[in-house]
Amino acid sequence: MVYITLWDDYQQQVEDLYQNSPIKTRYVIKYRNCDGKLVFKVTDDRKCLKFKTDKLQDMNKFERLNLSMMSRMQGRIHEPMEEVVEEKVIPVKNTNDKVKKKKGKK
Protein backbone atom coordinates (compact mmCIF):
# COMPACT_ATOMS: atom_id res chain seq x y z
CA MET A 1 0.00 0.00 0.00
CA VAL A 2 1.61 3.19 -1.19
CA TYR A 3 0.48 6.65 -0.12
CA ILE A 4 -0.56 8.96 -2.93
CA THR A 5 1.06 12.37 -2.49
CA LEU A 6 -1.14 14.67 -4.62
CA TRP A 7 -4.71 15.23 -3.46
CA ASP A 8 -6.19 15.77 -6.94
CA ASP A 9 -4.75 12.45 -8.17
CA TYR A 10 -6.01 10.71 -5.06
CA GLN A 11 -9.53 12.10 -5.38
CA GLN A 12 -9.75 11.14 -9.05
CA GLN A 13 -8.53 7.60 -8.36
CA VAL A 14 -10.99 7.21 -5.48
CA GLU A 15 -13.91 8.28 -7.67
CA ASP A 16 -12.79 5.93 -10.46
CA LEU A 17 -12.42 3.06 -8.00
CA TYR A 18 -15.92 3.61 -6.68
CA GLN A 19 -17.38 3.88 -10.20
CA ASN A 20 -15.78 0.57 -11.19
CA SER A 21 -16.93 -1.44 -8.16
CA PRO A 22 -19.47 0.38 -5.99
CA ILE A 23 -20.59 -2.77 -4.14
CA LYS A 24 -17.13 -3.76 -2.87
CA THR A 25 -15.62 -0.31 -2.30
CA ARG A 26 -15.26 0.82 1.29
CA TYR A 27 -13.24 3.46 3.06
CA VAL A 28 -11.76 4.18 6.46
CA ILE A 29 -10.73 7.46 8.01
CA LYS A 30 -8.22 7.18 10.81
CA TYR A 31 -6.57 9.85 12.94
CA ARG A 32 -3.14 8.98 14.31
CA ASN A 33 -2.74 11.01 17.46
CA CYS A 34 0.92 10.09 17.94
CA ASP A 35 1.81 11.62 14.55
CA GLY A 36 -1.00 14.16 14.34
CA LYS A 37 -1.91 12.79 10.90
CA LEU A 38 -5.21 11.95 9.28
CA VAL A 39 -5.19 8.85 7.05
CA PHE A 40 -7.87 8.17 4.43
CA LYS A 41 -7.94 4.66 2.97
CA VAL A 42 -10.19 3.41 0.15
CA THR A 43 -10.16 -0.19 -1.06
CA ASP A 44 -12.13 -2.71 -3.11
CA ASP A 45 -10.00 -5.70 -1.95
CA ARG A 46 -7.94 -5.59 -5.14
CA LYS A 47 -6.67 -2.04 -5.09
CA CYS A 48 -5.91 0.08 -2.02
CA LEU A 49 -5.55 3.86 -2.14
CA LYS A 50 -4.12 5.75 0.85
CA PHE A 51 -3.52 9.42 1.58
CA LYS A 52 -2.26 11.01 4.78
CA THR A 53 -1.87 14.60 5.88
CA ASP A 54 -1.44 16.90 8.82
CA LYS A 55 -2.47 20.11 7.02
CA LEU A 56 -5.75 21.86 7.77
CA GLN A 57 -6.40 22.60 4.07
CA ASP A 58 -6.27 18.90 3.25
CA MET A 59 -8.61 18.10 6.13
CA ASN A 60 -11.24 20.36 4.56
CA LYS A 61 -10.78 18.41 1.31
CA PHE A 62 -11.20 15.19 3.30
CA GLU A 63 -14.53 16.47 4.58
CA ARG A 64 -15.78 17.27 1.08
CA LEU A 65 -14.69 13.87 -0.24
CA ASN A 66 -16.26 12.16 2.76
CA LEU A 67 -19.61 13.88 2.11
CA SER A 68 -19.37 13.01 -1.56
CA MET A 69 -18.61 9.33 -0.86
CA MET A 70 -21.40 9.04 1.71
CA SER A 71 -23.90 10.59 -0.70
CA ARG A 72 -22.88 8.22 -3.49
CA MET A 73 -23.01 5.19 -1.23
CA GLN A 74 -26.51 6.15 -0.13
CA GLY A 75 -27.63 6.65 -3.73
CA ARG A 76 -28.12 10.40 -3.39
CA ILE A 77 -26.98 13.06 -5.81
CA HIS A 78 -24.20 15.07 -4.23
CA GLU A 79 -24.33 18.85 -4.58
CA PRO A 80 -21.03 20.74 -4.81
CA MET A 81 -19.93 22.27 -1.50
CA GLU A 82 -20.02 25.83 -2.87
CA GLU A 83 -23.77 25.61 -3.53
CA VAL A 84 -24.68 24.25 -0.11
CA VAL A 85 -26.02 26.96 2.18
CA GLU A 86 -25.59 26.45 5.89
CA GLU A 87 -28.68 26.91 7.99
CA LYS A 88 -28.41 28.69 11.29
CA VAL A 89 -29.89 26.87 14.23
CA ILE A 90 -31.46 29.09 16.86
CA PRO A 91 -31.71 27.47 20.29
CA VAL A 92 -35.22 27.51 21.75
CA LYS A 93 -35.79 27.63 25.47
CA ASN A 94 -38.05 24.94 26.81
CA THR A 95 -40.76 26.60 28.90
CA ASN A 96 -41.88 23.28 30.37
CA ASP A 97 -38.77 22.86 32.51
CA LYS A 98 -39.87 22.32 36.09
CA VAL A 99 -37.69 22.70 39.11
CA LYS A 100 -37.34 19.38 40.86
CA LYS A 101 -37.81 19.43 44.60
CA LYS A 102 -35.25 17.66 46.66
CA LYS A 103 -36.52 14.92 48.86
CA GLY A 104 -35.16 14.72 52.30
CA LYS A 105 -35.62 15.94 55.84
CA LYS A 106 -37.86 18.93 56.38
C-alpha atoms as a PDB file:
ATOM      1  CA  MET A   1       0.000   0.000   0.000  1.00  0.00           C
ATOM      2  CA  VAL A   2       1.610   3.191  -1.187  1.00  0.00           C
ATOM      3  CA  TYR A   3       0.478   6.645  -0.119  1.00  0.00           C
ATOM      4  CA  ILE A   4      -0.559   8.963  -2.929  1.00  0.00           C
ATOM      5  CA  THR A   5       1.060  12.367  -2.491  1.00  0.00           C
ATOM      6  CA  LEU A   6      -1.138  14.672  -4.616  1.00  0.00           C
ATOM      7  CA  TRP A   7      -4.713  15.230  -3.458  1.00  0.00           C
ATOM      8  CA  ASP A   8      -6.190  15.769  -6.944  1.00  0.00           C
ATOM      9  CA  ASP A   9      -4.749  12.454  -8.168  1.00  0.00           C
ATOM     10  CA  TYR A  10      -6.012  10.705  -5.064  1.00  0.00           C
ATOM     11  CA  GLN A  11      -9.528  12.100  -5.378  1.00  0.00           C
ATOM     12  CA  GLN A  12      -9.754  11.137  -9.050  1.00  0.00           C
ATOM     13  CA  GLN A  13      -8.534   7.600  -8.365  1.00  0.00           C
ATOM     14  CA  VAL A  14     -10.995   7.208  -5.478  1.00  0.00           C
ATOM     15  CA  GLU A  15     -13.908   8.283  -7.675  1.00  0.00           C
ATOM     16  CA  ASP A  16     -12.787   5.929 -10.459  1.00  0.00           C
ATOM     17  CA  LEU A  17     -12.418   3.056  -8.002  1.00  0.00           C
ATOM     18  CA  TYR A  18     -15.925   3.611  -6.678  1.00  0.00           C
ATOM     19  CA  GLN A  19     -17.380   3.884 -10.199  1.00  0.00           C
ATOM     20  CA  ASN A  20     -15.784   0.565 -11.193  1.00  0.00           C
ATOM     21  CA  SER A  21     -16.931  -1.442  -8.165  1.00  0.00           C
ATOM     22  CA  PRO A  22     -19.473   0.379  -5.987  1.00  0.00           C
ATOM     23  CA  ILE A  23     -20.588  -2.766  -4.143  1.00  0.00           C
ATOM     24  CA  LYS A  24     -17.130  -3.759  -2.870  1.00  0.00           C
ATOM     25  CA  THR A  25     -15.623  -0.308  -2.296  1.00  0.00           C
ATOM     26  CA  ARG A  26     -15.264   0.815   1.293  1.00  0.00           C
ATOM     27  CA  TYR A  27     -13.243   3.460   3.063  1.00  0.00           C
ATOM     28  CA  VAL A  28     -11.763   4.176   6.458  1.00  0.00           C
ATOM     29  CA  ILE A  29     -10.735   7.464   8.005  1.00  0.00           C
ATOM     30  CA  LYS A  30      -8.217   7.182  10.808  1.00  0.00           C
ATOM     31  CA  TYR A  31      -6.574   9.854  12.945  1.00  0.00           C
ATOM     32  CA  ARG A  32      -3.143   8.978  14.307  1.00  0.00           C
ATOM     33  CA  ASN A  33      -2.743  11.011  17.457  1.00  0.00           C
ATOM     34  CA  CYS A  34       0.920  10.090  17.942  1.00  0.00           C
ATOM     35  CA  ASP A  35       1.810  11.618  14.546  1.00  0.00           C
ATOM     36  CA  GLY A  36      -1.004  14.162  14.337  1.00  0.00           C
ATOM     37  CA  LYS A  37      -1.912  12.791  10.905  1.00  0.00           C
ATOM     38  CA  LEU A  38      -5.214  11.953   9.277  1.00  0.00           C
ATOM     39  CA  VAL A  39      -5.194   8.845   7.054  1.00  0.00           C
ATOM     40  CA  PHE A  40      -7.866   8.175   4.433  1.00  0.00           C
ATOM     41  CA  LYS A  41      -7.937   4.657   2.968  1.00  0.00           C
ATOM     42  CA  VAL A  42     -10.190   3.411   0.149  1.00  0.00           C
ATOM     43  CA  THR A  43     -10.163  -0.188  -1.062  1.00  0.00           C
ATOM     44  CA  ASP A  44     -12.127  -2.705  -3.107  1.00  0.00           C
ATOM     45  CA  ASP A  45      -9.996  -5.703  -1.952  1.00  0.00           C
ATOM     46  CA  ARG A  46      -7.940  -5.588  -5.143  1.00  0.00           C
ATOM     47  CA  LYS A  47      -6.667  -2.039  -5.091  1.00  0.00           C
ATOM     48  CA  CYS A  48      -5.910   0.076  -2.022  1.00  0.00           C
ATOM     49  CA  LEU A  49      -5.551   3.862  -2.137  1.00  0.00           C
ATOM     50  CA  LYS A  50      -4.125   5.753   0.846  1.00  0.00           C
ATOM     51  CA  PHE A  51      -3.523   9.420   1.579  1.00  0.00           C
ATOM     52  CA  LYS A  52      -2.265  11.008   4.782  1.00  0.00           C
ATOM     53  CA  THR A  53      -1.871  14.601   5.876  1.00  0.00           C
ATOM     54  CA  ASP A  54      -1.443  16.901   8.824  1.00  0.00           C
ATOM     55  CA  LYS A  55      -2.467  20.111   7.018  1.00  0.00           C
ATOM     56  CA  LEU A  56      -5.752  21.861   7.774  1.00  0.00           C
ATOM     57  CA  GLN A  57      -6.399  22.597   4.073  1.00  0.00           C
ATOM     58  CA  ASP A  58      -6.268  18.897   3.254  1.00  0.00           C
ATOM     59  CA  MET A  59      -8.613  18.096   6.129  1.00  0.00           C
ATOM     60  CA  ASN A  60     -11.236  20.357   4.563  1.00  0.00           C
ATOM     61  CA  LYS A  61     -10.778  18.410   1.313  1.00  0.00           C
ATOM     62  CA  PHE A  62     -11.205  15.192   3.297  1.00  0.00           C
ATOM     63  CA  GLU A  63     -14.531  16.473   4.582  1.00  0.00           C
ATOM     64  CA  ARG A  64     -15.775  17.271   1.078  1.00  0.00           C
ATOM     65  CA  LEU A  65     -14.689  13.871  -0.244  1.00  0.00           C
ATOM     66  CA  ASN A  66     -16.262  12.157   2.765  1.00  0.00           C
ATOM     67  CA  LEU A  67     -19.609  13.882   2.113  1.00  0.00           C
ATOM     68  CA  SER A  68     -19.374  13.009  -1.561  1.00  0.00           C
ATOM     69  CA  MET A  69     -18.611   9.332  -0.861  1.00  0.00           C
ATOM     70  CA  MET A  70     -21.399   9.044   1.715  1.00  0.00           C
ATOM     71  CA  SER A  71     -23.897  10.590  -0.699  1.00  0.00           C
ATOM     72  CA  ARG A  72     -22.878   8.221  -3.485  1.00  0.00           C
ATOM     73  CA  MET A  73     -23.005   5.185  -1.231  1.00  0.00           C
ATOM     74  CA  GLN A  74     -26.514   6.147  -0.131  1.00  0.00           C
ATOM     75  CA  GLY A  75     -27.627   6.647  -3.733  1.00  0.00           C
ATOM     76  CA  ARG A  76     -28.116  10.397  -3.391  1.00  0.00           C
ATOM     77  CA  ILE A  77     -26.982  13.059  -5.810  1.00  0.00           C
ATOM     78  CA  HIS A  78     -24.197  15.067  -4.229  1.00  0.00           C
ATOM     79  CA  GLU A  79     -24.325  18.852  -4.579  1.00  0.00           C
ATOM     80  CA  PRO A  80     -21.027  20.744  -4.806  1.00  0.00           C
ATOM     81  CA  MET A  81     -19.934  22.275  -1.504  1.00  0.00           C
ATOM     82  CA  GLU A  82     -20.025  25.833  -2.873  1.00  0.00           C
ATOM     83  CA  GLU A  83     -23.769  25.612  -3.530  1.00  0.00           C
ATOM     84  CA  VAL A  84     -24.684  24.248  -0.114  1.00  0.00           C
ATOM     85  CA  VAL A  85     -26.021  26.960   2.185  1.00  0.00           C
ATOM     86  CA  GLU A  86     -25.585  26.448   5.891  1.00  0.00           C
ATOM     87  CA  GLU A  87     -28.680  26.910   7.986  1.00  0.00           C
ATOM     88  CA  LYS A  88     -28.411  28.693  11.290  1.00  0.00           C
ATOM     89  CA  VAL A  89     -29.893  26.871  14.231  1.00  0.00           C
ATOM     90  CA  ILE A  90     -31.463  29.089  16.862  1.00  0.00           C
ATOM     91  CA  PRO A  91     -31.711  27.470  20.286  1.00  0.00           C
ATOM     92  CA  VAL A  92     -35.217  27.506  21.746  1.00  0.00           C
ATOM     93  CA  LYS A  93     -35.790  27.625  25.468  1.00  0.00           C
ATOM     94  CA  ASN A  94     -38.053  24.945  26.806  1.00  0.00           C
ATOM     95  CA  THR A  95     -40.765  26.596  28.901  1.00  0.00           C
ATOM     96  CA  ASN A  96     -41.885  23.277  30.367  1.00  0.00           C
ATOM     97  CA  ASP A  97     -38.773  22.857  32.508  1.00  0.00           C
ATOM     98  CA  LYS A  98     -39.867  22.323  36.091  1.00  0.00           C
ATOM     99  CA  VAL A  99     -37.690  22.697  39.105  1.00  0.00           C
ATOM    100  CA  LYS A 100     -37.344  19.384  40.856  1.00  0.00           C
ATOM    101  CA  LYS A 101     -37.815  19.429  44.595  1.00  0.00           C
ATOM    102  CA  LYS A 102     -35.249  17.656  46.662  1.00  0.00           C
ATOM    103  CA  LYS A 103     -36.524  14.916  48.862  1.00  0.00           C
ATOM    104  CA  GLY A 104     -35.156  14.722  52.303  1.00  0.00           C
ATOM    105  CA  LYS A 105     -35.617  15.942  55.842  1.00  0.00           C
ATOM    106  CA  LYS A 106     -37.856  18.928  56.381  1.00  0.00           C
END
